[in-house]
């Protein structure tokens, strides 16, 4: 793939572990498309049914779960509601392209990105969290 081409769709599985008093974990299949500025993030259950569809562009984000839709100016706030914690979406696009970028409080391991795997850990702010992604496409 040429260095200047950017993939606009990623599919795979993600697992998010949040270390609180009662440890929480979330896992789902996903489709991520677009860019940090404008895109769509779809979470799917094991049967392939949509759990949530999040769409965003400059200053606006919208989440649809089942029959309800909610809007917000903050993509991070909507992701926090679905996943139980925030994830650095802007950095995630770069990480998936194999580019090491900083995200406040997060440390990412891209050593297996060529095989479609990444692990990112959030150390601050509390609670600590681990995001694991395995790409299928």
N, C-alpha and C. Protein backbone atom coordinates (compact mmCIF):
# COMPACT_ATOMS: atom_id res chain seq x y z
N UNK A 1 0.85 -1.17 0.00
CA UNK A 1 0.00 0.00 0.00
C UNK A 1 0.90 1.24 0.00
N UNK A 2 0.69 2.18 -0.90
CA UNK A 2 1.53 3.37 -0.94
C UNK A 2 1.43 4.16 0.36
N UNK A 3 2.52 4.79 0.73
CA UNK A 3 2.57 5.51 2.00
C UNK A 3 1.54 6.64 2.07
N UNK A 4 1.16 7.21 0.93
CA UNK A 4 0.24 8.34 0.97
C UNK A 4 -1.23 7.93 0.91
N UNK A 5 -1.52 6.63 0.79
CA UNK A 5 -2.93 6.23 0.76
C UNK A 5 -3.37 5.89 2.18
N UNK A 6 -4.58 6.29 2.50
CA UNK A 6 -5.10 6.04 3.84
C UNK A 6 -6.31 5.13 3.72
N UNK A 7 -6.33 4.12 4.53
CA UNK A 7 -7.47 3.22 4.54
C UNK A 7 -8.64 3.99 5.17
N UNK A 8 -9.83 3.81 4.64
CA UNK A 8 -10.96 4.53 5.19
C UNK A 8 -11.93 3.62 5.91
N UNK A 9 -11.66 2.31 5.92
CA UNK A 9 -12.53 1.38 6.64
C UNK A 9 -11.68 0.32 7.32
N UNK A 10 -11.91 0.16 8.61
CA UNK A 10 -11.29 -0.92 9.37
C UNK A 10 -12.40 -1.75 9.98
N UNK A 11 -12.22 -3.07 9.96
CA UNK A 11 -13.16 -3.96 10.63
C UNK A 11 -12.36 -4.92 11.49
N UNK A 12 -12.98 -5.36 12.56
CA UNK A 12 -12.30 -6.29 13.44
C UNK A 12 -13.04 -6.46 14.75
N UNK A 13 -12.27 -6.83 15.76
CA UNK A 13 -12.83 -7.00 17.11
C UNK A 13 -12.05 -6.12 18.06
N UNK A 14 -12.77 -5.59 19.03
CA UNK A 14 -12.10 -4.82 20.06
C UNK A 14 -12.52 -5.34 21.42
N UNK A 15 -11.60 -5.25 22.35
CA UNK A 15 -11.87 -5.60 23.74
C UNK A 15 -11.33 -4.46 24.59
N UNK A 16 -12.14 -4.00 25.52
CA UNK A 16 -11.76 -2.91 26.38
C UNK A 16 -11.95 -3.35 27.82
N UNK A 17 -10.88 -3.31 28.58
CA UNK A 17 -10.89 -3.70 29.99
C UNK A 17 -10.65 -2.45 30.82
N UNK A 18 -11.57 -2.14 31.72
CA UNK A 18 -11.44 -0.97 32.59
C UNK A 18 -11.22 -1.46 34.01
N UNK A 19 -10.11 -1.03 34.61
CA UNK A 19 -9.72 -1.50 35.95
C UNK A 19 -10.30 -0.60 37.03
N UNK A 20 -11.50 -0.91 37.47
CA UNK A 20 -12.11 -0.19 38.58
C UNK A 20 -12.27 -1.18 39.73
N UNK A 21 -12.97 -0.75 40.79
CA UNK A 21 -13.17 -1.67 41.91
C UNK A 21 -13.85 -2.94 41.42
N UNK A 22 -14.87 -2.78 40.60
CA UNK A 22 -15.47 -3.92 39.93
C UNK A 22 -15.01 -3.82 38.48
N UNK A 23 -14.06 -4.64 38.11
CA UNK A 23 -13.46 -4.57 36.79
C UNK A 23 -14.53 -4.74 35.72
N UNK A 24 -14.51 -3.88 34.70
CA UNK A 24 -15.48 -3.94 33.61
C UNK A 24 -14.77 -4.34 32.33
N UNK A 25 -15.45 -5.11 31.52
CA UNK A 25 -14.89 -5.40 30.20
C UNK A 25 -15.99 -5.31 29.16
N UNK A 26 -15.60 -4.92 27.98
CA UNK A 26 -16.52 -4.75 26.86
C UNK A 26 -15.83 -5.33 25.65
N UNK A 27 -16.54 -6.12 24.86
CA UNK A 27 -15.96 -6.59 23.61
C UNK A 27 -17.05 -6.63 22.55
N UNK A 28 -16.64 -6.35 21.33
CA UNK A 28 -17.58 -6.32 20.22
C UNK A 28 -16.80 -6.34 18.91
N UNK A 29 -17.49 -6.70 17.85
CA UNK A 29 -16.94 -6.49 16.52
C UNK A 29 -17.18 -5.03 16.18
N UNK A 30 -16.38 -4.50 15.27
CA UNK A 30 -16.56 -3.09 14.93
C UNK A 30 -16.26 -2.82 13.47
N UNK A 31 -16.80 -1.71 13.00
CA UNK A 31 -16.46 -1.13 11.71
C UNK A 31 -16.18 0.34 11.98
N UNK A 32 -15.01 0.79 11.60
CA UNK A 32 -14.61 2.18 11.79
C UNK A 32 -14.28 2.76 10.43
N UNK A 33 -14.90 3.87 10.09
CA UNK A 33 -14.64 4.47 8.79
C UNK A 33 -14.52 5.98 8.91
N UNK A 34 -13.90 6.58 7.89
CA UNK A 34 -13.75 8.02 7.85
C UNK A 34 -12.43 8.47 8.42
N UNK A 35 -12.50 9.50 9.25
CA UNK A 35 -11.30 10.09 9.85
C UNK A 35 -11.65 10.61 11.23
N UNK A 36 -10.66 11.15 11.92
CA UNK A 36 -10.90 11.71 13.25
C UNK A 36 -11.84 12.92 13.16
N UNK A 37 -11.87 13.59 12.01
CA UNK A 37 -12.70 14.77 11.86
C UNK A 37 -14.15 14.44 11.46
N UNK A 38 -14.33 13.36 10.71
CA UNK A 38 -15.66 12.98 10.26
C UNK A 38 -15.66 11.48 10.03
N UNK A 39 -16.54 10.77 10.72
CA UNK A 39 -16.53 9.33 10.54
C UNK A 39 -17.71 8.62 11.16
N UNK A 40 -17.58 7.31 11.19
CA UNK A 40 -18.62 6.45 11.73
C UNK A 40 -17.96 5.26 12.41
N UNK A 41 -18.50 4.89 13.57
CA UNK A 41 -18.00 3.78 14.37
C UNK A 41 -19.21 2.92 14.70
N UNK A 42 -19.22 1.69 14.21
CA UNK A 42 -20.34 0.78 14.43
C UNK A 42 -19.86 -0.37 15.30
N UNK A 43 -20.59 -0.64 16.38
CA UNK A 43 -20.29 -1.77 17.26
C UNK A 43 -21.33 -2.85 17.04
N UNK A 44 -20.87 -4.09 16.88
CA UNK A 44 -21.74 -5.21 16.55
C UNK A 44 -21.62 -6.32 17.59
N UNK A 45 -22.75 -6.98 17.89
CA UNK A 45 -22.70 -8.11 18.81
C UNK A 45 -22.23 -9.36 18.06
N UNK A 46 -22.02 -10.49 18.76
CA UNK A 46 -21.50 -11.69 18.10
C UNK A 46 -22.37 -12.21 16.95
N UNK A 47 -23.65 -11.86 16.94
CA UNK A 47 -24.54 -12.30 15.86
C UNK A 47 -24.53 -11.33 14.68
N UNK A 48 -23.76 -10.24 14.80
CA UNK A 48 -23.68 -9.27 13.72
C UNK A 48 -24.72 -8.17 13.77
N UNK A 49 -25.49 -8.13 14.85
CA UNK A 49 -26.49 -7.08 15.00
C UNK A 49 -25.83 -5.81 15.56
N UNK A 50 -26.31 -4.66 15.15
CA UNK A 50 -25.73 -3.40 15.57
C UNK A 50 -26.09 -3.09 17.02
N UNK A 51 -25.06 -2.91 17.86
CA UNK A 51 -25.25 -2.47 19.24
C UNK A 51 -25.36 -0.95 19.29
N UNK A 52 -24.48 -0.29 18.55
CA UNK A 52 -24.47 1.18 18.53
C UNK A 52 -23.85 1.65 17.23
N UNK A 53 -24.36 2.77 16.73
CA UNK A 53 -23.79 3.43 15.56
C UNK A 53 -23.51 4.87 15.97
N UNK A 54 -22.23 5.24 15.91
CA UNK A 54 -21.83 6.60 16.28
C UNK A 54 -21.31 7.27 15.03
N UNK A 55 -21.85 8.45 14.74
CA UNK A 55 -21.40 9.23 13.59
C UNK A 55 -20.99 10.61 14.09
N UNK A 56 -19.97 11.19 13.46
CA UNK A 56 -19.52 12.50 13.90
C UNK A 56 -18.95 13.31 12.75
N UNK A 57 -18.96 14.61 12.96
CA UNK A 57 -18.23 15.56 12.13
C UNK A 57 -17.89 16.74 13.04
N UNK A 58 -17.39 17.81 12.48
CA UNK A 58 -16.89 18.93 13.29
C UNK A 58 -17.96 19.45 14.26
N UNK A 59 -17.71 19.28 15.56
CA UNK A 59 -18.58 19.85 16.59
C UNK A 59 -19.90 19.14 16.80
N UNK A 60 -20.09 17.97 16.20
CA UNK A 60 -21.36 17.26 16.34
C UNK A 60 -21.13 15.76 16.32
N UNK A 61 -21.78 15.05 17.23
CA UNK A 61 -21.72 13.59 17.26
C UNK A 61 -23.12 13.06 17.57
N UNK A 62 -23.40 11.87 17.06
CA UNK A 62 -24.73 11.29 17.23
C UNK A 62 -24.56 9.79 17.44
N UNK A 63 -25.31 9.27 18.39
CA UNK A 63 -25.27 7.83 18.65
C UNK A 63 -26.68 7.27 18.50
N UNK A 64 -26.77 6.13 17.83
CA UNK A 64 -28.04 5.43 17.70
C UNK A 64 -27.87 4.05 18.31
N UNK A 65 -28.72 3.76 19.28
CA UNK A 65 -28.75 2.43 19.90
C UNK A 65 -30.20 1.97 19.87
N UNK A 66 -30.45 0.85 19.23
CA UNK A 66 -31.82 0.38 19.10
C UNK A 66 -32.65 1.42 18.37
N UNK A 67 -33.73 1.86 19.00
CA UNK A 67 -34.61 2.85 18.38
C UNK A 67 -34.34 4.28 18.86
N UNK A 68 -33.34 4.46 19.73
CA UNK A 68 -33.10 5.81 20.27
C UNK A 68 -31.85 6.43 19.66
N UNK A 69 -31.92 7.74 19.48
CA UNK A 69 -30.79 8.51 18.95
C UNK A 69 -30.52 9.66 19.91
N UNK A 70 -29.24 9.90 20.18
CA UNK A 70 -28.85 11.00 21.06
C UNK A 70 -27.75 11.79 20.39
N UNK A 71 -27.80 13.10 20.55
CA UNK A 71 -26.79 13.96 19.95
C UNK A 71 -25.95 14.63 21.03
N UNK A 72 -24.72 14.98 20.66
CA UNK A 72 -23.82 15.65 21.59
C UNK A 72 -22.79 16.42 20.77
N UNK A 73 -22.19 17.42 21.39
CA UNK A 73 -21.07 18.09 20.74
C UNK A 73 -19.79 17.28 20.92
N UNK A 74 -19.82 16.30 21.83
CA UNK A 74 -18.61 15.57 22.19
C UNK A 74 -18.68 14.10 21.80
N UNK A 75 -17.83 13.72 20.86
CA UNK A 75 -17.69 12.31 20.49
C UNK A 75 -17.20 11.51 21.69
N UNK A 76 -16.25 12.08 22.44
CA UNK A 76 -15.71 11.38 23.62
C UNK A 76 -16.80 11.04 24.63
N UNK A 77 -17.74 11.96 24.84
CA UNK A 77 -18.82 11.71 25.81
C UNK A 77 -19.70 10.54 25.36
N UNK A 78 -20.01 10.49 24.07
CA UNK A 78 -20.84 9.39 23.57
C UNK A 78 -20.10 8.06 23.66
N UNK A 79 -18.82 8.06 23.32
CA UNK A 79 -18.04 6.82 23.43
C UNK A 79 -17.95 6.37 24.88
N UNK A 80 -17.80 7.32 25.79
CA UNK A 80 -17.74 6.99 27.22
C UNK A 80 -19.03 6.30 27.64
N UNK A 81 -20.17 6.79 27.17
CA UNK A 81 -21.45 6.19 27.52
C UNK A 81 -21.56 4.76 27.02
N UNK A 82 -21.06 4.48 25.82
CA UNK A 82 -21.18 3.14 25.24
C UNK A 82 -20.14 2.18 25.82
N UNK A 83 -18.89 2.65 25.93
CA UNK A 83 -17.79 1.77 26.30
C UNK A 83 -17.49 1.76 27.80
N UNK A 84 -17.99 2.75 28.52
CA UNK A 84 -17.71 2.82 29.95
C UNK A 84 -16.46 3.64 30.26
N UNK A 85 -15.77 4.09 29.23
CA UNK A 85 -14.59 4.95 29.38
C UNK A 85 -14.32 5.61 28.03
N UNK A 86 -13.50 6.62 28.04
CA UNK A 86 -13.16 7.30 26.79
C UNK A 86 -11.98 6.60 26.12
N UNK A 87 -11.95 6.67 24.80
CA UNK A 87 -10.79 6.19 24.04
C UNK A 87 -10.36 7.33 23.11
N UNK A 88 -9.09 7.41 22.78
CA UNK A 88 -8.59 8.52 21.95
C UNK A 88 -8.83 8.28 20.47
N UNK A 89 -9.98 8.70 19.98
CA UNK A 89 -10.38 8.40 18.60
C UNK A 89 -9.40 8.97 17.57
N UNK A 90 -8.99 10.22 17.76
CA UNK A 90 -8.06 10.82 16.79
C UNK A 90 -6.79 9.99 16.69
N UNK A 91 -6.24 9.59 17.84
CA UNK A 91 -5.03 8.77 17.85
C UNK A 91 -5.31 7.39 17.27
N UNK A 92 -6.49 6.85 17.53
CA UNK A 92 -6.83 5.51 17.05
C UNK A 92 -6.70 5.41 15.53
N UNK A 93 -7.16 6.43 14.80
CA UNK A 93 -7.03 6.40 13.34
C UNK A 93 -5.55 6.29 12.94
N UNK A 94 -4.69 7.09 13.59
CA UNK A 94 -3.25 7.04 13.28
C UNK A 94 -2.67 5.68 13.66
N UNK A 95 -3.03 5.18 14.83
CA UNK A 95 -2.50 3.89 15.28
C UNK A 95 -2.86 2.79 14.28
N UNK A 96 -4.12 2.79 13.80
CA UNK A 96 -4.54 1.75 12.87
C UNK A 96 -3.78 1.84 11.55
N UNK A 97 -3.29 3.02 11.21
CA UNK A 97 -2.47 3.19 10.02
C UNK A 97 -1.00 2.87 10.30
N UNK A 98 -0.69 2.49 11.57
CA UNK A 98 0.67 2.12 11.93
C UNK A 98 1.54 3.30 12.32
N UNK A 99 0.92 4.45 12.58
CA UNK A 99 1.66 5.66 12.94
C UNK A 99 1.60 5.87 14.44
N UNK A 100 2.76 5.98 15.04
CA UNK A 100 2.86 6.21 16.49
C UNK A 100 2.58 7.68 16.77
N UNK A 101 1.45 7.99 17.42
CA UNK A 101 1.16 9.35 17.85
C UNK A 101 0.82 9.31 19.33
N UNK A 102 1.07 10.43 19.99
CA UNK A 102 0.81 10.51 21.42
C UNK A 102 -0.67 10.77 21.68
N UNK A 103 -1.19 10.16 22.72
CA UNK A 103 -2.52 10.44 23.23
C UNK A 103 -2.35 10.57 24.74
N UNK A 104 -2.79 11.68 25.28
CA UNK A 104 -2.57 11.97 26.70
C UNK A 104 -3.03 10.81 27.59
N UNK A 105 -2.10 10.30 28.39
CA UNK A 105 -2.41 9.22 29.32
C UNK A 105 -2.34 7.83 28.73
N UNK A 106 -2.19 7.71 27.41
CA UNK A 106 -2.20 6.40 26.74
C UNK A 106 -0.81 6.04 26.24
N UNK A 107 -0.55 4.74 26.25
CA UNK A 107 0.68 4.19 25.68
C UNK A 107 0.25 3.07 24.74
N UNK A 108 0.73 3.10 23.49
CA UNK A 108 0.28 2.12 22.51
C UNK A 108 1.45 1.24 22.08
N UNK A 109 1.15 -0.03 21.84
CA UNK A 109 2.13 -0.99 21.32
C UNK A 109 1.70 -1.34 19.90
N UNK A 110 2.46 -0.85 18.91
CA UNK A 110 2.15 -1.11 17.50
C UNK A 110 3.06 -2.18 16.91
N UNK A 111 3.76 -2.93 17.76
CA UNK A 111 4.73 -3.91 17.25
C UNK A 111 4.08 -4.99 16.40
N UNK A 112 2.77 -5.24 16.56
CA UNK A 112 2.10 -6.27 15.77
C UNK A 112 1.07 -5.68 14.82
N UNK A 113 1.16 -4.38 14.51
CA UNK A 113 0.15 -3.75 13.66
C UNK A 113 0.19 -4.33 12.24
N UNK A 114 1.35 -4.77 11.77
CA UNK A 114 1.43 -5.39 10.44
C UNK A 114 0.58 -6.66 10.38
N UNK A 115 0.39 -7.31 11.53
CA UNK A 115 -0.46 -8.50 11.62
C UNK A 115 -1.88 -8.13 12.02
N UNK A 116 -2.16 -6.82 12.09
CA UNK A 116 -3.52 -6.37 12.39
C UNK A 116 -3.86 -6.34 13.87
N UNK A 117 -2.84 -6.17 14.72
CA UNK A 117 -3.10 -6.17 16.16
C UNK A 117 -2.47 -4.94 16.81
N UNK A 118 -3.22 -4.36 17.75
CA UNK A 118 -2.64 -3.29 18.56
C UNK A 118 -3.18 -3.38 19.97
N UNK A 119 -2.37 -2.91 20.91
CA UNK A 119 -2.76 -2.84 22.32
C UNK A 119 -2.42 -1.45 22.81
N UNK A 120 -3.39 -0.79 23.42
CA UNK A 120 -3.16 0.53 24.00
C UNK A 120 -3.60 0.49 25.46
N UNK A 121 -2.79 1.10 26.31
CA UNK A 121 -3.10 1.13 27.74
C UNK A 121 -3.18 2.57 28.21
N UNK A 122 -4.24 2.86 29.00
CA UNK A 122 -4.36 4.19 29.60
C UNK A 122 -3.93 4.09 31.05
N UNK A 123 -2.97 4.94 31.40
CA UNK A 123 -2.48 4.96 32.78
C UNK A 123 -3.09 6.12 33.56
N UNK A 124 -3.36 7.24 32.87
CA UNK A 124 -4.02 8.37 33.50
C UNK A 124 -5.02 8.96 32.51
N UNK A 125 -6.13 9.51 32.93
CA UNK A 125 -6.59 9.51 34.32
C UNK A 125 -7.12 8.13 34.72
N UNK A 126 -7.25 7.93 36.02
CA UNK A 126 -7.83 6.68 36.52
C UNK A 126 -9.28 6.61 36.06
N UNK A 127 -9.84 5.43 35.91
CA UNK A 127 -9.21 4.12 36.10
C UNK A 127 -8.35 3.73 34.90
N UNK A 128 -7.40 2.84 35.14
CA UNK A 128 -6.58 2.33 34.06
C UNK A 128 -7.46 1.51 33.11
N UNK A 129 -7.07 1.51 31.84
CA UNK A 129 -7.86 0.78 30.84
C UNK A 129 -6.90 0.17 29.82
N UNK A 130 -7.33 -0.95 29.25
CA UNK A 130 -6.56 -1.60 28.18
C UNK A 130 -7.49 -1.83 26.99
N UNK A 131 -7.07 -1.36 25.84
CA UNK A 131 -7.81 -1.52 24.59
C UNK A 131 -7.02 -2.46 23.69
N UNK A 132 -7.65 -3.54 23.28
CA UNK A 132 -7.01 -4.49 22.36
C UNK A 132 -7.85 -4.54 21.09
N UNK A 133 -7.18 -4.45 19.95
CA UNK A 133 -7.86 -4.50 18.66
C UNK A 133 -7.20 -5.54 17.77
N UNK A 134 -8.04 -6.35 17.13
CA UNK A 134 -7.59 -7.31 16.13
C UNK A 134 -8.38 -7.00 14.86
N UNK A 135 -7.64 -6.61 13.82
CA UNK A 135 -8.29 -6.28 12.55
C UNK A 135 -8.57 -7.53 11.74
N UNK A 136 -9.70 -7.53 11.06
CA UNK A 136 -10.05 -8.65 10.17
C UNK A 136 -10.05 -8.20 8.73
N UNK A 137 -9.97 -6.90 8.49
CA UNK A 137 -9.99 -6.37 7.12
C UNK A 137 -9.07 -5.17 7.02
